[in-house]
Structures are given as structure tokens and as C-alpha cells.
Amino acid sequence: MDGLEKQVLKGVSRSFYLSLQLLPRPMRGAASLGYLLARISDTIADAAAVPSELRLSALQQFQKAIEVGSELPRWPISLLNAISDLRERHLMECTGEVMAWFGQMPTNEAELIRGVIMTIIGGQSLDLERFGHASGDRPVALTDEAELDDYTWRVAGCVGEFWTKLGLTTMGAAFSHAPEDELLRQGIAYGKGLQLVNILRDISADLAVGRCYLPVRDPKDLAVLLECHAACATRATAYLQEGLSYAGKLNSRRLRAASVMPAWIGEMTLDRIRGADWKTLESHVKVSRGRIYRTVIRSFFYPASDAVERSVRAI
């Protein structure tokens, strides 16, 4: 499994791979495997050149294989050929190895992985049903705040819950002395915040293919869209503050470093898109690799505190 964890995973992840490598060993295997399984389902869902019905079918087969251990799906060649990123295609071709790793996990860790992947696939399937016939000319938007909250829970908030339960399961009191319900609440909010950042960063690219994750009546009304964008940026900032507080409650320096780094990168991204005009949002804002590496170093000095609320603007 070493090749999957170090080579395949590194190929399909830019910044999250760094967080995974910082995790204490008891958590690292299950967290890395969970990421690979989620990335497989994400790759299926994002294969835009493939009809949504075929992608839904592939997701259902994958879900069944994880849920009840049914026969491993054989990906249609049309699906594989639609994956332009060679690293993602390689991951799809390694599905058998990833599932074999899953079959070797301790029962309690496998159950946590199964639960989070079922939630994620449920969100991705709902996404395909919602946007299955959308296009750049006929975009579809979420209808209200409740749908947005449900979406961010399904694809990322549940990951914050998984991360917390995995830490408590594998490390016990060495993970954190904070109350479990408090950690779960903050971990879920943190995950939602990271997904909101993704939505806000990718709004132009999503809209070009007909997807609008912001709840607006008319996605083509840029003035209203930017107003909603600004409101969601404020909410994302509050969620990331929960993430910073969450990281401060963790006992291990490696845990705090792994947990705080995505929040800081999220803050840097928000700094670049907050109040941006549409032309800037169309440029696909990214945090430079150099700033990410500086954040890795800085994360090791993040203190243990229940009240830490730091800003990344000094980085």
C-alpha cells in the first residue's frame, strides 16, 4: 500500500497530501485511504464528457462495492477515456488496489471510512441528478440556503466529522481533551467552510458548465451572484475560524499542523477572491506553491489553545 499512499495519492492531491503526511501514524492510513476512495468517486462525478446517467450508474456500483463488498466495478472505457488528467486516470486504474487496502483495514476504521464515503457519494449523486441537464446556456442554481448547507455537509462537513471520530478512535485522549460534541461541531463547520471556499473560488468554471452552487434566482445576473458570493465569503470566514479553534484543541504538534494548514490556505484563497470582480474570478485564483510550503513550516508552530484565532495575512 506504500505506493498508493506516497505516489498515487501525491499525484492527485496538491495541498491535502501535505496535511495527510503530517498526521500521526495511527490516523494516517485510514485518512489517506478515505481520501483516495473519495477522489475516485469525485473523478467519476466530474467526468463531464460522459452522460450523467452513466456516471450515476458507475457511482452506484462503486457505492455498492464499498457498502456491501460486492464485485468491484469494471469502469467503462468511455469513462476512462473521458478523464484527461493522467494522474486521475491512473487512480481509477488502481481502484482494485485501493479496494484491497480497504478490505484489510481494522473493522472500526473501515466502518468510519464506509460511513463518510457513503455520505460523499450520496452528495455527488444528488449533484448529478440536480445538474444532469444543465449547461452554460441553461445554468441551474441551488434553490435556497438549506440546499447549500446540505451540499457542504455531504461533501465536506462529513469529512470533519470523520477526521474527529478517526482521531478519537485511533488515538483516544492523545487526540484531544476537548469534549467530543464540541470537536464534532467545529470539525463539521470547518469542513463546510473549506467546501465553501472551493465553491467561491470555482464559481466561474462551474457556471461555464451550468452549475451554480450559490442559491440565486438567476445565475446569469452577475450583480446578484457577486452579492451572494460576498455573503458566502463572510460565512466561510466564520467557518474557518471554527477550524482554527478546532486545531488549537488538538494535543499533538503534528495534528495541529495537519489541521490548521487547510484553514490557512483557505484564508489565503478568500483574501484573493473576497470582493473580486467577475474577471478576477474567471482567472481561477490559486495560492502559489511557495506560499503553501511556507504555510507548512508555519503550521508546526501553531500553539495548543482553546482560544486561538489566527490570521494568515502575515504569511
Protein backbone atom coordinates (compact mmCIF):
# COMPACT_ATOMS: atom_id res chain seq x y z
CA MET A 1 0.00 0.00 0.00
CA ASP A 2 3.06 2.23 0.24
CA GLY A 3 2.90 3.04 -3.47
CA LEU A 4 -0.75 4.07 -3.22
CA GLU A 5 -0.15 6.29 -0.23
CA LYS A 6 3.00 8.01 -1.47
CA GLN A 7 2.77 8.02 -5.26
CA VAL A 8 -0.85 7.77 -6.38
CA LEU A 9 -2.15 9.95 -3.54
CA LYS A 10 0.55 12.58 -4.08
CA GLY A 11 -0.30 12.69 -7.78
CA VAL A 12 -3.98 13.52 -7.26
CA SER A 13 -3.63 15.91 -4.35
CA ARG A 14 -1.80 19.23 -4.21
CA SER A 15 -2.07 20.58 -0.68
CA PHE A 16 -4.10 17.91 1.16
CA TYR A 17 -1.31 15.36 0.61
CA LEU A 18 0.90 17.54 2.82
CA SER A 19 -1.70 17.52 5.60
CA LEU A 20 -2.01 13.73 5.40
CA GLN A 21 1.74 13.28 5.69
CA LEU A 22 1.77 15.41 8.84
CA LEU A 23 -0.79 13.19 10.59
CA PRO A 24 0.39 10.88 13.38
CA ARG A 25 0.81 7.34 12.11
CA PRO A 26 -2.28 5.88 13.85
CA MET A 27 -4.54 8.17 11.77
CA ARG A 28 -2.58 8.39 8.53
CA GLY A 29 -3.56 5.13 6.83
CA ALA A 30 -7.34 5.44 7.22
CA ALA A 31 -7.32 9.16 6.39
CA SER A 32 -5.24 8.56 3.24
CA LEU A 33 -7.42 5.64 2.14
CA GLY A 34 -10.57 7.66 2.73
CA TYR A 35 -9.18 10.45 0.56
CA LEU A 36 -8.34 8.04 -2.29
CA LEU A 37 -11.83 6.49 -2.23
CA ALA A 38 -13.44 9.94 -2.21
CA ARG A 39 -11.18 11.04 -5.06
CA ILE A 40 -12.23 8.03 -7.15
CA SER A 41 -15.90 8.90 -6.73
CA ASP A 42 -15.13 12.58 -7.39
CA THR A 43 -13.31 11.69 -10.60
CA ILE A 44 -16.35 9.72 -11.77
CA ALA A 45 -18.74 12.54 -10.92
CA ASP A 46 -16.56 15.16 -12.65
CA ALA A 47 -16.14 13.30 -15.97
CA ALA A 48 -18.28 15.89 -17.74
CA ALA A 49 -17.86 14.34 -21.20
CA VAL A 50 -19.70 11.21 -20.01
CA PRO A 51 -23.54 11.28 -19.83
CA SER A 52 -24.78 11.85 -16.29
CA GLU A 53 -26.76 8.58 -16.37
CA LEU A 54 -23.57 6.58 -16.96
CA ARG A 55 -21.74 8.46 -14.21
CA LEU A 56 -24.62 7.83 -11.81
CA SER A 57 -24.52 4.13 -12.64
CA ALA A 58 -20.76 3.99 -12.04
CA LEU A 59 -21.16 5.79 -8.70
CA GLN A 60 -23.90 3.36 -7.64
CA GLN A 61 -21.70 0.38 -8.47
CA PHE A 62 -18.80 1.89 -6.54
CA GLN A 63 -21.07 2.66 -3.60
CA LYS A 64 -22.34 -0.92 -3.53
CA ALA A 65 -18.80 -2.31 -3.61
CA ILE A 66 -17.87 -0.21 -0.57
CA GLU A 67 -21.14 -0.71 1.29
CA VAL A 68 -21.62 -4.47 0.99
CA GLY A 69 -18.39 -5.72 -0.59
CA SER A 70 -19.95 -6.60 -3.93
CA GLU A 71 -17.91 -7.26 -7.05
CA LEU A 72 -15.51 -4.48 -7.96
CA PRO A 73 -16.83 -2.26 -10.75
CA ARG A 74 -15.27 -2.50 -14.20
CA TRP A 75 -15.07 1.06 -15.40
CA PRO A 76 -16.41 1.58 -18.94
CA ILE A 77 -13.66 2.54 -21.39
CA SER A 78 -15.72 5.59 -22.32
CA LEU A 79 -15.44 6.77 -18.70
CA LEU A 80 -11.68 6.18 -18.53
CA ASN A 81 -11.11 7.88 -21.88
CA ALA A 82 -13.03 10.94 -20.66
CA ILE A 83 -10.52 11.50 -17.83
CA SER A 84 -7.95 13.86 -19.29
CA ASP A 85 -5.74 14.09 -16.19
CA LEU A 86 -3.36 11.13 -16.41
CA ARG A 87 -2.89 11.05 -12.64
CA GLU A 88 -6.63 10.73 -12.07
CA ARG A 89 -6.90 8.06 -14.74
CA HIS A 90 -4.09 6.15 -13.04
CA LEU A 91 -6.01 6.35 -9.77
CA MET A 92 -9.09 4.91 -11.50
CA GLU A 93 -6.97 2.08 -12.88
CA CYS A 94 -5.72 1.39 -9.34
CA THR A 95 -9.27 1.01 -7.93
CA GLY A 96 -8.70 -2.69 -7.30
CA GLU A 97 -5.62 -1.98 -5.19
CA VAL A 98 -7.42 0.76 -3.27
CA MET A 99 -10.34 -1.58 -2.52
CA ALA A 100 -7.92 -4.34 -1.48
CA TRP A 101 -6.41 -1.89 1.03
CA PHE A 102 -9.90 -1.08 2.26
CA GLY A 103 -10.54 -4.79 2.81
CA GLN A 104 -7.50 -5.00 5.09
CA MET A 105 -8.46 -2.12 7.39
CA PRO A 106 -9.39 -2.78 11.03
CA THR A 107 -13.15 -3.10 11.38
CA ASN A 108 -13.70 0.08 13.40
CA GLU A 109 -11.65 2.20 10.98
CA ALA A 110 -13.31 0.58 7.95
CA GLU A 111 -16.74 1.48 9.35
CA LEU A 112 -15.74 5.13 9.72
CA ILE A 113 -14.40 5.17 6.15
CA ARG A 114 -17.52 3.46 4.82
CA GLY A 115 -19.77 5.98 6.54
CA VAL A 116 -18.03 9.07 5.20
CA ILE A 117 -17.73 7.71 1.65
CA MET A 118 -21.43 6.78 1.59
CA THR A 119 -22.29 10.36 2.54
CA ILE A 120 -19.93 11.82 -0.06
CA ILE A 121 -21.22 9.59 -2.86
CA GLY A 122 -24.77 10.50 -1.86
CA GLY A 123 -23.89 14.16 -2.33
CA GLN A 124 -22.20 13.54 -5.66
CA SER A 125 -25.15 11.52 -6.93
CA LEU A 126 -27.55 14.26 -5.90
CA ASP A 127 -25.30 16.69 -7.75
CA LEU A 128 -25.54 14.69 -10.97
CA GLU A 129 -29.31 14.48 -10.68
CA ARG A 130 -29.61 18.21 -9.97
CA PHE A 131 -27.26 19.38 -12.72
CA GLY A 132 -27.61 16.46 -15.12
CA HIS A 133 -29.20 18.56 -17.87
CA ALA A 134 -27.64 21.91 -17.02
CA SER A 135 -25.39 23.74 -19.47
CA GLY A 136 -23.56 27.02 -19.77
CA ASP A 137 -26.56 28.42 -21.64
CA ARG A 138 -29.06 27.00 -19.16
CA PRO A 139 -27.42 27.03 -15.73
CA VAL A 140 -29.11 25.58 -12.66
CA ALA A 141 -28.68 27.08 -9.19
CA LEU A 142 -29.37 25.72 -5.73
CA THR A 143 -32.75 26.90 -4.57
CA ASP A 144 -32.03 28.07 -1.02
CA GLU A 145 -29.58 28.22 1.87
CA ALA A 146 -30.75 24.84 3.16
CA GLU A 147 -29.65 23.14 -0.07
CA LEU A 148 -26.27 24.84 0.12
CA ASP A 149 -25.81 23.78 3.73
CA ASP A 150 -26.83 20.21 2.89
CA TYR A 151 -24.39 20.10 -0.01
CA THR A 152 -21.44 21.39 2.02
CA TRP A 153 -22.26 18.83 4.73
CA ARG A 154 -22.44 15.92 2.31
CA VAL A 155 -19.17 16.58 0.51
CA ALA A 156 -17.00 18.14 3.24
CA GLY A 157 -18.70 18.66 6.60
CA CYS A 158 -18.89 14.88 6.96
CA VAL A 159 -15.13 14.75 6.45
CA GLY A 160 -14.63 16.95 9.51
CA GLU A 161 -16.78 14.52 11.45
CA PHE A 162 -14.82 11.54 10.07
CA TRP A 163 -11.46 13.14 10.90
CA THR A 164 -12.58 13.74 14.50
CA LYS A 165 -14.04 10.28 15.05
CA LEU A 166 -10.96 8.66 13.49
CA GLY A 167 -8.66 10.63 15.79
CA LEU A 168 -10.62 9.70 18.90
CA THR A 169 -10.86 6.06 17.78
CA THR A 170 -7.19 5.59 16.95
CA MET A 171 -5.56 7.93 19.49
CA GLY A 172 -8.05 8.36 22.34
CA ALA A 173 -7.08 11.07 24.83
CA ALA A 174 -3.85 11.69 22.88
CA PHE A 175 -6.03 13.23 20.14
CA SER A 176 -7.72 15.87 22.29
CA HIS A 177 -9.04 16.51 25.78
CA ALA A 178 -11.86 18.71 24.47
CA PRO A 179 -15.45 17.41 24.66
CA GLU A 180 -16.32 15.17 21.72
CA ASP A 181 -19.53 17.04 20.85
CA GLU A 182 -17.61 20.33 20.67
CA LEU A 183 -14.93 18.81 18.41
CA LEU A 184 -17.58 17.29 16.14
CA ARG A 185 -19.47 20.59 15.83
CA GLN A 186 -16.32 22.52 14.98
CA GLY A 187 -14.96 19.81 12.67
CA ILE A 188 -18.20 19.80 10.66
CA ALA A 189 -18.21 23.61 10.43
CA TYR A 190 -14.57 23.53 9.34
CA GLY A 191 -15.31 21.08 6.53
CA LYS A 192 -18.24 23.18 5.35
CA GLY A 193 -16.00 26.24 5.31
CA LEU A 194 -13.37 24.57 3.16
CA GLN A 195 -16.04 23.49 0.68
CA LEU A 196 -17.50 26.99 0.59
CA VAL A 197 -14.04 28.30 -0.31
CA ASN A 198 -13.91 25.80 -3.19
CA ILE A 199 -17.34 26.90 -4.39
CA LEU A 200 -16.41 30.58 -4.27
CA ARG A 201 -13.07 30.01 -5.98
CA ASP A 202 -14.52 27.85 -8.76
CA ILE A 203 -17.75 29.77 -9.35
CA SER A 204 -16.83 30.87 -12.89
CA ALA A 205 -15.69 27.41 -14.03
CA ASP A 206 -18.77 25.76 -12.53
CA LEU A 207 -21.10 28.28 -14.13
CA ALA A 208 -19.49 27.68 -17.52
CA VAL A 209 -20.85 24.11 -17.41
CA GLY A 210 -24.19 25.11 -15.91
CA ARG A 211 -23.61 24.51 -12.19
CA CYS A 212 -24.27 27.25 -9.66
CA TYR A 213 -23.87 26.25 -6.02
CA LEU A 214 -24.94 29.67 -4.78
CA PRO A 215 -28.70 30.00 -4.09
CA VAL A 216 -29.68 32.75 -6.52
CA ARG A 217 -32.79 33.10 -8.64
CA ASP A 218 -30.90 33.85 -11.87
CA PRO A 219 -27.28 32.64 -12.12
CA LYS A 220 -26.75 34.91 -15.14
CA ASP A 221 -27.41 38.03 -13.06
CA LEU A 222 -23.80 38.77 -12.14
CA ALA A 223 -24.66 41.59 -9.75
CA VAL A 224 -26.84 39.31 -7.61
CA LEU A 225 -24.37 36.46 -7.96
CA LEU A 226 -21.48 38.63 -6.69
CA GLU A 227 -23.62 39.85 -3.79
CA CYS A 228 -24.34 36.26 -2.77
CA HIS A 229 -20.65 35.44 -3.31
CA ALA A 230 -19.66 38.15 -0.81
CA ALA A 231 -22.17 36.91 1.79
CA CYS A 232 -20.89 33.34 1.45
CA ALA A 233 -17.30 34.55 1.80
CA THR A 234 -18.24 36.06 5.16
CA ARG A 235 -19.79 32.75 6.23
CA ALA A 236 -16.75 30.81 5.01
CA THR A 237 -14.50 33.06 7.10
CA ALA A 238 -16.55 32.28 10.22
CA TYR A 239 -16.39 28.55 9.48
CA LEU A 240 -12.61 28.70 9.01
CA GLN A 241 -12.30 30.43 12.38
CA GLU A 242 -14.03 27.37 13.84
CA GLY A 243 -11.38 25.29 12.11
CA LEU A 244 -8.57 27.32 13.66
CA SER A 245 -10.15 26.90 17.09
CA TYR A 246 -10.55 23.16 16.40
CA ALA A 247 -6.86 22.81 15.53
CA GLY A 248 -5.86 24.53 18.75
CA LYS A 249 -7.72 21.88 20.78
CA LEU A 250 -5.60 19.02 19.41
CA ASN A 251 -2.83 17.66 21.63
CA SER A 252 -0.14 16.67 19.13
CA ARG A 253 2.00 19.22 17.28
CA ARG A 254 1.67 17.13 14.11
CA LEU A 255 -2.10 17.03 14.48
CA ARG A 256 -2.31 20.79 14.93
CA ALA A 257 -0.07 21.34 11.92
CA ALA A 258 -2.10 18.99 9.72
CA SER A 259 -5.38 20.52 10.84
CA VAL A 260 -4.52 24.21 10.70
CA MET A 261 -2.85 24.22 7.29
CA PRO A 262 -6.05 23.85 5.16
CA ALA A 263 -7.67 26.68 7.12
CA TRP A 264 -4.76 29.00 6.44
CA ILE A 265 -4.71 28.10 2.75
CA GLY A 266 -8.47 28.67 2.69
CA GLU A 267 -7.98 32.11 4.26
CA MET A 268 -5.34 32.99 1.69
CA THR A 269 -7.73 31.99 -1.09
CA LEU A 270 -10.54 34.05 0.44
CA ASP A 271 -8.22 37.06 0.67
CA ARG A 272 -7.73 36.89 -3.09
CA ILE A 273 -11.37 36.45 -4.07
CA ARG A 274 -13.19 38.49 -1.43
CA GLY A 275 -14.74 41.47 -3.21
CA ALA A 276 -13.23 40.41 -6.55
CA ASP A 277 -14.85 41.35 -9.83
CA TRP A 278 -16.02 38.71 -12.30
CA LYS A 279 -12.88 38.98 -14.45
CA THR A 280 -10.70 38.10 -11.45
CA LEU A 281 -12.92 35.16 -10.56
CA GLU A 282 -12.65 33.91 -14.15
CA SER A 283 -8.85 33.74 -13.80
CA HIS A 284 -9.11 30.72 -11.45
CA VAL A 285 -7.36 32.03 -8.36
CA LYS A 286 -4.74 29.76 -6.82
CA VAL A 287 -2.42 30.02 -3.84
CA SER A 288 1.18 29.75 -5.00
CA ARG A 289 3.18 26.65 -4.18
CA GLY A 290 5.73 28.81 -2.39
CA ARG A 291 3.10 30.21 -0.01
CA ILE A 292 1.79 26.70 0.61
CA TYR A 293 5.26 25.48 1.60
CA ARG A 294 5.75 28.47 3.89
CA THR A 295 2.41 27.62 5.47
CA VAL A 296 3.61 24.04 6.10
CA ILE A 297 6.57 25.37 8.08
CA ARG A 298 4.46 27.91 9.96
CA SER A 299 1.88 25.28 10.87
CA PHE A 300 4.36 23.43 13.10
CA PHE A 301 4.40 26.42 15.45
CA TYR A 302 0.63 26.62 15.87
CA PRO A 303 0.01 26.62 19.63
CA ALA A 304 -2.29 24.42 21.64
CA SER A 305 -5.05 26.70 22.89
CA ASP A 306 -8.85 26.67 23.11
CA ALA A 307 -8.99 30.31 22.13
CA VAL A 308 -6.51 30.62 19.29
CA GLU A 309 -7.81 32.64 16.36
CA ARG A 310 -5.03 33.50 13.95
CA SER A 311 -4.95 35.29 10.63
CA VAL A 312 -2.76 34.14 7.77
CA ARG A 313 -2.34 37.60 6.35
CA ALA A 314 1.11 37.90 7.91
CA ILE A 315 2.43 34.90 5.94
